[in-house]
Amino acid sequence: MNPVLEAKNINKYFEKPVSFHVLKDINFKIKEGEFASIMGKSGCGKSTLLYILSTMDTDYQGQLFLNNELITGQKRDILSRIRNKHIGFVFQFHYLLSEFSVLENVILPAKKLGEKSLPEIKAYAMEKLRILDIHTLADKKASRISGGEKQRVAIARALINDPAIIMGDEPTGNLDSHNSENVFNIFRQLCDDQGLSLLVVTHDKDFADKTDRIIEMEDGRIIHS
């Protein structure tokens, strides 16, 4: 299996108010179709690492590869396109535009990418909504649907450009146990049926235990992977 994502000797320092070594020699790979989780106590560097892996933070030492291509050092506009096309995001908070319909929210990243016509994008978005069993909500305002449904819409939006990997930052953090399990099952299905890679930062031990691999962090280091 080819690695979709690879971190090599990633180090990160916060310089203010004093120099602090926040990530220390991070090395790991995520393979095609792998569902991995990152765990560790608050302040161990999980979210900082995710920001680097997602190309949003470029101020680090080391090398980051996506689909075997070095993306460290690329210009901001190139990174923005890489992020939009190859990385899907699901956060703890869904970040939906409440006055937009479900369908309008899902198509936004594809409109930004501009590789398909609007009718094609809409048809494709409906396909994603069907996979997640929320196609009947397509015309509803995002403000009018439940928390669990909003997170499914956020997942559909993350899938719209057929990313190589989906990254989640506490994607079940705001959900009850029933909806958390639903989100896990959706991720597992995407992994098993579509060969999608997933990397999820979570505090939920039950969630992490069901993933293929737990990457454990402590004081800015990976202590187990």
Protein backbone atom coordinates (compact mmCIF):
# COMPACT_ATOMS: atom_id res chain seq x y z
CA MET A 1 0.00 0.00 0.00
CA ASN A 2 1.32 3.44 -0.95
CA PRO A 3 1.51 6.10 1.77
CA VAL A 4 -1.03 8.88 1.20
CA LEU A 5 0.55 11.07 3.85
CA GLU A 6 4.06 10.99 5.30
CA ALA A 7 5.65 13.18 7.97
CA LYS A 8 9.46 13.12 8.18
CA ASN A 9 11.33 14.64 11.12
CA ILE A 10 8.69 17.29 11.80
CA ASN A 11 9.73 19.78 14.48
CA LYS A 12 7.80 22.85 15.53
CA TYR A 13 8.77 25.71 17.84
CA PHE A 14 6.64 28.45 19.35
CA GLU A 15 8.93 31.47 19.73
CA LYS A 16 6.83 33.74 21.96
CA PRO A 17 6.92 34.60 24.81
CA VAL A 18 9.88 32.19 25.04
CA SER A 19 11.08 29.48 22.66
CA PHE A 20 9.13 26.26 23.22
CA HIS A 21 9.74 23.00 21.35
CA VAL A 22 6.15 21.88 20.76
CA LEU A 23 6.61 19.02 18.23
CA LYS A 24 9.70 16.81 18.43
CA ASP A 25 10.91 14.59 15.57
CA ILE A 26 7.49 13.45 14.33
CA ASN A 27 7.72 10.54 11.86
CA PHE A 28 4.83 8.44 10.57
CA LYS A 29 2.91 7.40 7.44
CA ILE A 30 -0.78 6.97 6.68
CA LYS A 31 -1.42 4.34 4.00
CA GLU A 32 -4.18 4.21 1.39
CA GLY A 33 -7.42 3.03 2.97
CA GLU A 34 -6.09 3.31 6.54
CA PHE A 35 -8.20 4.70 9.38
CA ALA A 36 -5.86 6.10 12.05
CA SER A 37 -6.51 8.14 15.17
CA ILE A 38 -4.25 10.46 17.18
CA MET A 39 -4.65 10.47 20.96
CA GLY A 40 -2.93 12.22 23.84
CA LYS A 41 -3.58 14.60 26.71
CA SER A 42 -4.55 18.22 26.09
CA GLY A 43 -1.48 20.27 25.20
CA CYS A 44 0.55 17.32 23.85
CA GLY A 45 0.64 18.82 20.32
CA LYS A 46 -2.17 16.88 18.54
CA SER A 47 -3.95 19.88 17.04
CA THR A 48 -0.67 21.65 16.24
CA LEU A 49 0.40 18.54 14.32
CA LEU A 50 -2.92 18.37 12.46
CA TYR A 51 -2.55 22.00 11.34
CA ILE A 52 0.87 21.18 9.88
CA LEU A 53 -0.35 17.95 8.22
CA SER A 54 -3.26 19.84 6.69
CA THR A 55 -0.83 22.44 5.19
CA MET A 56 -2.49 25.29 7.12
CA ASP A 57 0.65 25.84 9.23
CA THR A 58 3.84 26.08 7.17
CA ASP A 59 6.16 27.29 9.94
CA TYR A 60 7.89 24.01 10.84
CA GLN A 61 11.08 22.04 10.22
CA GLY A 62 11.07 18.68 8.42
CA GLN A 63 9.25 17.34 5.37
CA LEU A 64 5.63 16.59 4.56
CA PHE A 65 4.61 14.38 1.62
CA LEU A 66 1.14 13.95 0.15
CA ASN A 67 0.65 11.19 -2.44
CA ASN A 68 4.47 10.75 -2.45
CA GLU A 69 5.02 14.39 -3.46
CA LEU A 70 6.91 16.83 -1.26
CA ILE A 71 4.57 19.67 -0.32
CA THR A 72 6.82 21.40 2.23
CA GLY A 73 8.00 24.75 0.86
CA GLN A 74 5.26 25.15 -1.76
CA LYS A 75 3.76 28.60 -2.32
CA ARG A 76 0.55 29.54 -0.49
CA ASP A 77 -1.70 29.44 -3.58
CA ILE A 78 -0.42 25.96 -4.50
CA LEU A 79 -0.94 24.75 -0.91
CA SER A 80 -4.47 26.18 -0.94
CA ARG A 81 -5.28 24.21 -4.09
CA ILE A 82 -3.66 21.02 -2.71
CA ARG A 83 -5.70 21.43 0.49
CA ASN A 84 -8.96 21.98 -1.37
CA LYS A 85 -8.46 19.12 -3.82
CA HIS A 86 -6.72 16.41 -1.80
CA ILE A 87 -7.61 16.97 1.88
CA GLY A 88 -11.12 16.85 3.34
CA PHE A 89 -11.77 18.36 6.79
CA VAL A 90 -14.27 17.51 9.49
CA PHE A 91 -14.01 19.61 12.64
CA GLN A 92 -15.65 19.45 16.07
CA PHE A 93 -17.84 22.33 14.96
CA HIS A 94 -19.40 21.84 11.52
CA TYR A 95 -18.82 25.43 10.20
CA LEU A 96 -21.87 25.30 7.93
CA LEU A 97 -23.29 28.54 6.58
CA SER A 98 -26.63 28.57 8.38
CA GLU A 99 -28.58 30.58 5.77
CA PHE A 100 -27.39 28.34 2.92
CA SER A 101 -29.17 25.11 2.08
CA VAL A 102 -27.54 21.76 2.78
CA LEU A 103 -26.76 21.34 -0.94
CA GLU A 104 -25.30 24.86 -1.21
CA ASN A 105 -22.98 24.14 1.73
CA VAL A 106 -21.76 20.85 0.24
CA ILE A 107 -20.94 22.28 -3.20
CA LEU A 108 -18.80 25.22 -1.94
CA PRO A 109 -15.35 23.52 -2.08
CA ALA A 110 -16.09 22.12 -5.56
CA LYS A 111 -17.16 25.55 -6.84
CA LYS A 112 -13.90 26.96 -5.47
CA LEU A 113 -11.88 24.22 -7.17
CA GLY A 114 -13.67 24.91 -10.46
CA GLU A 115 -12.98 21.60 -12.21
CA LYS A 116 -16.64 20.74 -12.92
CA SER A 117 -19.67 22.66 -14.17
CA LEU A 118 -22.30 23.69 -11.61
CA PRO A 119 -24.86 21.06 -12.77
CA GLU A 120 -22.15 18.37 -12.51
CA ILE A 121 -21.17 19.57 -9.04
CA LYS A 122 -24.78 19.53 -7.84
CA ALA A 123 -25.38 16.02 -9.19
CA TYR A 124 -22.17 14.85 -7.54
CA ALA A 125 -23.12 16.51 -4.24
CA MET A 126 -26.48 14.72 -4.29
CA GLU A 127 -24.59 11.44 -4.73
CA LYS A 128 -22.54 12.20 -1.60
CA LEU A 129 -25.69 13.16 0.34
CA ARG A 130 -27.25 9.85 -0.74
CA ILE A 131 -24.24 7.87 0.54
CA LEU A 132 -24.72 9.61 3.91
CA ASP A 133 -28.50 9.10 3.79
CA ILE A 134 -29.32 12.83 4.02
CA HIS A 135 -30.31 13.50 0.37
CA THR A 136 -33.85 14.37 1.51
CA LEU A 137 -32.41 17.38 3.40
CA ALA A 138 -30.74 18.91 0.30
CA ASP A 139 -33.02 21.97 0.11
CA LYS A 140 -33.33 22.56 3.85
CA LYS A 141 -31.51 25.49 5.44
CA ALA A 142 -28.50 24.33 7.45
CA SER A 143 -29.94 26.12 10.49
CA ARG A 144 -33.02 23.85 10.35
CA ILE A 145 -31.35 20.46 10.77
CA SER A 146 -30.14 18.56 13.85
CA GLY A 147 -26.56 18.43 15.21
CA GLY A 148 -26.02 14.89 13.95
CA GLU A 149 -27.33 15.86 10.50
CA LYS A 150 -25.08 18.92 10.40
CA GLN A 151 -22.03 16.75 11.01
CA ARG A 152 -23.10 14.45 8.14
CA VAL A 153 -23.41 17.51 5.89
CA ALA A 154 -19.89 18.52 6.97
CA ILE A 155 -18.67 15.03 5.98
CA ALA A 156 -20.41 15.29 2.58
CA ARG A 157 -18.72 18.67 2.06
CA ALA A 158 -15.34 17.12 2.97
CA LEU A 159 -15.94 14.40 0.34
CA ILE A 160 -17.04 16.61 -2.56
CA ASN A 161 -13.62 16.88 -4.25
CA ASP A 162 -12.74 13.17 -3.76
CA PRO A 163 -9.83 13.86 -1.39
CA ALA A 164 -6.93 11.48 -0.84
CA ILE A 165 -7.39 11.80 2.93
CA ILE A 166 -9.93 13.12 5.39
CA MET A 167 -8.62 14.77 8.55
CA GLY A 168 -10.84 15.19 11.58
CA ASP A 169 -10.24 17.35 14.64
CA GLU A 170 -12.51 15.97 17.40
CA PRO A 171 -15.30 15.31 14.84
CA THR A 172 -17.51 13.67 17.48
CA GLY A 173 -16.63 16.14 20.27
CA ASN A 174 -20.02 17.89 20.14
CA LEU A 175 -22.14 14.78 19.54
CA ASP A 176 -23.98 12.39 21.83
CA SER A 177 -22.99 8.71 21.86
CA HIS A 178 -25.60 7.72 19.24
CA ASN A 179 -24.44 10.35 16.73
CA SER A 180 -20.77 9.67 17.56
CA GLU A 181 -21.30 6.05 16.63
CA ASN A 182 -23.04 7.12 13.40
CA VAL A 183 -20.06 9.29 12.45
CA PHE A 184 -17.64 6.46 13.22
CA ASN A 185 -19.67 4.03 11.09
CA ILE A 186 -19.73 6.51 8.20
CA PHE A 187 -15.94 6.90 8.40
CA ARG A 188 -15.46 3.14 8.58
CA GLN A 189 -17.70 2.61 5.55
CA LEU A 190 -15.82 5.26 3.54
CA CYS A 191 -12.58 3.52 4.44
CA ASP A 192 -13.77 0.00 3.62
CA ASP A 193 -15.94 0.73 0.56
CA GLN A 194 -14.06 3.59 -1.09
CA GLY A 195 -10.48 3.05 0.14
CA LEU A 196 -10.40 6.51 1.69
CA SER A 197 -7.68 7.31 4.25
CA LEU A 198 -8.69 8.94 7.53
CA LEU A 199 -6.69 10.62 10.27
CA VAL A 200 -8.72 11.72 13.28
CA VAL A 201 -7.61 13.57 16.41
CA THR A 202 -9.88 12.43 19.24
CA HIS A 203 -10.22 12.29 23.03
CA ASP A 204 -12.82 9.51 22.67
CA LYS A 205 -11.09 6.26 23.63
CA ASP A 206 -14.03 4.14 22.40
CA PHE A 207 -13.80 5.83 18.99
CA ALA A 208 -10.00 5.44 18.80
CA ASP A 209 -10.08 1.78 19.86
CA LYS A 210 -12.18 0.93 16.79
CA THR A 211 -9.77 2.58 14.31
CA ASP A 212 -7.04 0.59 12.53
CA ARG A 213 -4.24 2.28 14.47
CA ILE A 214 -3.78 4.67 17.36
CA ILE A 215 -0.91 7.17 17.18
CA GLU A 216 -0.23 8.16 20.79
CA MET A 217 1.37 11.49 21.61
CA GLU A 218 2.95 12.79 24.80
CA ASP A 219 4.84 16.08 25.30
CA GLY A 220 5.18 16.73 21.57
CA ARG A 221 6.46 13.26 20.68
CA ILE A 222 4.88 10.15 19.22
CA ILE A 223 5.31 7.50 21.90
CA HIS A 224 3.39 4.74 20.11
CA SER A 225 2.15 4.27 16.56
